[in-house]
Amino acid sequence: MPPAPADLAVSNLSCGGEMVSNEELFYSFEIHNLRGPAVGDFNWSIHLTDENGVIVEEIDSSAMSTYSTYGQLV
């Protein structure tokens, strides 16, 4: 039987809650593999949303490579 597919999840997300326009934004997060082997590339992005959950702007994004197994920090 093949292993379960990878399930990448974000945790420990933090960013400034009292930001003012034109200030530099600092943020951090961790990506954990919750199950199965994760081998290859994946993309992530952080979006600014309004009170209705509509994306207003993409703040940052990137592509990453990983070779993690169950429970590992990617």
Protein backbone atom coordinates (compact mmCIF):
# COMPACT_ATOMS: atom_id res chain seq x y z
CA MET A 1 0.00 0.00 0.00
CA PRO A 2 1.44 3.43 -0.90
CA PRO A 3 2.00 5.95 1.91
CA ALA A 4 -0.55 8.68 2.58
CA PRO A 5 0.03 11.88 0.61
CA ALA A 6 1.79 14.76 2.33
CA ASP A 7 -0.32 17.29 4.21
CA LEU A 8 1.56 20.56 4.71
CA ALA A 9 0.15 22.96 7.31
CA VAL A 10 1.13 26.40 8.60
CA SER A 11 1.62 27.00 12.32
CA ASN A 12 3.02 29.72 14.55
CA LEU A 13 2.02 32.49 12.16
CA SER A 14 2.79 35.93 13.53
CA CYS A 15 2.70 39.40 12.06
CA GLY A 16 2.23 42.96 13.21
CA GLY A 17 -1.35 43.65 14.26
CA GLU A 18 -1.01 47.41 14.54
CA MET A 19 0.50 48.16 11.15
CA VAL A 20 0.23 51.58 9.51
CA SER A 21 0.31 52.19 5.75
CA ASN A 22 3.80 52.31 4.24
CA GLU A 23 5.45 50.62 7.24
CA GLU A 24 7.61 47.56 6.70
CA LEU A 25 5.76 44.34 7.55
CA PHE A 26 7.52 41.64 9.54
CA TYR A 27 6.05 38.14 9.67
CA SER A 28 7.09 34.60 10.42
CA PHE A 29 5.56 31.14 10.15
CA GLU A 30 6.47 27.46 10.19
CA ILE A 31 5.36 24.77 7.76
CA HIS A 32 4.90 21.26 9.15
CA ASN A 33 4.27 18.02 7.31
CA LEU A 34 1.32 16.38 9.09
CA ARG A 35 1.45 13.05 7.23
CA GLY A 36 3.12 11.10 4.43
CA PRO A 37 6.39 11.85 2.64
CA ALA A 38 6.71 15.27 1.03
CA VAL A 39 9.21 15.20 -1.81
CA GLY A 40 9.41 18.01 -4.32
CA ASP A 41 8.42 21.62 -4.79
CA PHE A 42 5.49 23.54 -3.37
CA ASN A 43 4.32 27.15 -3.48
CA TRP A 44 3.09 29.34 -0.65
CA SER A 45 1.63 32.84 -0.49
CA ILE A 46 0.40 35.32 2.12
CA HIS A 47 -2.64 37.43 1.25
CA LEU A 48 -4.12 40.53 2.81
CA THR A 49 -7.89 40.02 3.05
CA ASP A 50 -10.75 42.33 3.94
CA GLU A 51 -13.41 41.66 6.59
CA ASN A 52 -15.35 39.52 4.07
CA GLY A 53 -12.38 37.27 3.30
CA VAL A 54 -11.84 38.80 -0.15
CA ILE A 55 -8.17 38.98 -1.16
CA VAL A 56 -7.06 42.61 -1.38
CA GLU A 57 -3.36 42.05 -2.09
CA GLU A 58 -0.74 39.32 -2.21
CA ILE A 59 1.89 40.32 0.35
CA ASP A 60 4.52 37.68 -0.37
CA SER A 61 4.96 34.31 -2.07
CA SER A 62 7.66 31.81 -2.90
CA ALA A 63 8.41 28.30 -4.10
CA MET A 64 10.24 25.84 -1.85
CA SER A 65 11.63 22.32 -2.13
CA THR A 66 11.27 19.74 0.60
CA TYR A 67 12.17 16.16 1.38
CA SER A 68 10.34 15.87 4.70
CA THR A 69 8.61 12.95 6.35
CA TYR A 70 5.70 12.78 8.79
CA GLY A 71 5.89 15.32 11.60
CA GLN A 72 8.91 17.23 10.31
CA LEU A 73 9.32 20.97 10.05
CA VAL A 74 9.64 21.73 6.33
